[in-house]
Amino acid sequence: MNKQELIDAVAVATGTSKTAIADTIDAIIGTVTTTVANGEAVQLIGFGTFGTGARAARIGRNPATGAQMQIDAAKTVKFTPGKAFKDAVNAA
């Protein structure tokens, strides 16, 4: 399912206009992105938690040449699914 299909499905389920749903989804995504980028977690009970993690610097290999290269430390985005979400996926 892509974003437009999500908008269509939510609009049908709620009886709300696609424009209003698109604006709402954009606002949710923007808020989650900004909050996680600021180092805070976003917890949606029953769905999951969006947060940040850390990846340490390490030595890697260039797959084309085999030469060693330094890979810098980086922040990562992580999602931990909630129990209800995991249960729904496992039941399907």
Protein backbone atom coordinates (compact mmCIF):
# COMPACT_ATOMS: atom_id res chain seq x y z
CA MET A 1 0.00 0.00 0.00
CA ASN A 2 1.38 3.40 -0.91
CA LYS A 3 0.45 6.79 0.56
CA GLN A 4 -2.36 7.47 -1.93
CA GLU A 5 -3.91 4.05 -1.31
CA LEU A 6 -3.73 4.74 2.44
CA ILE A 7 -5.48 8.07 1.94
CA ASP A 8 -8.19 6.40 -0.15
CA ALA A 9 -8.73 3.62 2.40
CA VAL A 10 -8.96 6.01 5.37
CA ALA A 11 -11.29 8.34 3.46
CA VAL A 12 -13.64 5.44 2.70
CA ALA A 13 -13.48 4.12 6.29
CA THR A 14 -14.20 7.50 7.87
CA GLY A 15 -16.40 9.12 5.25
CA THR A 16 -14.09 12.13 5.23
CA SER A 17 -12.77 13.89 2.14
CA LYS A 18 -9.51 12.68 0.63
CA THR A 19 -8.08 16.19 0.90
CA ALA A 20 -8.73 16.35 4.64
CA ILE A 21 -7.26 12.87 5.14
CA ALA A 22 -4.17 13.76 3.07
CA ASP A 23 -3.63 16.90 5.16
CA THR A 24 -4.05 14.88 8.36
CA ILE A 25 -1.62 12.16 7.29
CA ASP A 26 0.93 14.78 6.20
CA ALA A 27 0.58 16.50 9.60
CA ILE A 28 1.04 13.20 11.46
CA ILE A 29 4.12 12.27 9.44
CA GLY A 30 5.58 15.75 9.87
CA THR A 31 5.00 15.74 13.61
CA VAL A 32 6.49 12.27 14.09
CA THR A 33 9.51 13.20 11.94
CA THR A 34 10.18 16.44 13.82
CA THR A 35 9.73 14.85 17.23
CA VAL A 36 12.02 11.88 16.51
CA ALA A 37 14.61 14.19 14.88
CA ASN A 38 14.67 16.15 18.15
CA GLY A 39 15.56 12.97 20.05
CA GLU A 40 12.15 12.27 21.56
CA ALA A 41 10.14 9.08 21.13
CA VAL A 42 6.61 8.94 19.73
CA GLN A 43 4.53 6.21 21.35
CA LEU A 44 1.22 5.15 19.83
CA ILE A 45 -0.32 2.68 22.27
CA GLY A 46 -1.26 -0.54 20.51
CA PHE A 47 0.66 0.39 17.35
CA GLY A 48 4.26 1.01 18.34
CA THR A 49 7.01 3.43 19.24
CA PHE A 50 9.17 5.51 16.91
CA GLY A 51 12.54 6.49 18.35
CA THR A 52 16.21 6.93 17.65
CA GLY A 53 19.14 4.62 18.01
CA ALA A 54 22.86 4.92 17.53
CA ARG A 55 25.15 3.10 15.17
CA ALA A 56 28.81 3.11 16.22
CA ALA A 57 31.64 4.00 13.88
CA ARG A 58 33.25 0.94 12.33
CA ILE A 59 35.56 -0.34 9.66
CA GLY A 60 33.83 -1.71 6.56
CA ARG A 61 34.90 -3.00 3.18
CA ASN A 62 34.20 -1.58 -0.24
CA PRO A 63 32.40 -4.48 -1.99
CA ALA A 64 33.84 -3.55 -5.39
CA THR A 65 37.51 -3.27 -4.38
CA GLY A 66 37.70 -5.00 -1.03
CA ALA A 67 39.51 -1.98 0.41
CA GLN A 68 38.87 -1.11 4.03
CA MET A 69 37.01 2.12 4.72
CA GLN A 70 35.89 4.01 7.80
CA ILE A 71 32.12 4.17 8.28
CA ASP A 72 31.14 7.10 10.48
CA ALA A 73 28.84 6.83 13.49
CA ALA A 74 25.23 7.66 12.69
CA LYS A 75 21.86 8.12 14.31
CA THR A 76 19.22 5.64 13.19
CA VAL A 77 15.46 5.60 13.30
CA LYS A 78 13.88 2.60 14.92
CA PHE A 79 10.33 1.38 15.22
CA THR A 80 9.26 -1.04 17.92
CA PRO A 81 5.85 -2.53 17.22
CA GLY A 82 3.29 -2.65 20.02
CA LYS A 83 1.73 -5.86 21.29
CA ALA A 84 -1.62 -5.35 19.52
CA PHE A 85 0.15 -4.71 16.21
CA LYS A 86 2.37 -7.79 16.58
CA ASP A 87 -0.63 -9.91 17.56
CA ALA A 88 -2.59 -8.71 14.49
CA VAL A 89 0.31 -9.49 12.15
CA ASN A 90 0.87 -12.92 13.68
CA ALA A 91 -2.84 -13.76 13.51
CA ALA A 92 -2.97 -13.10 9.75
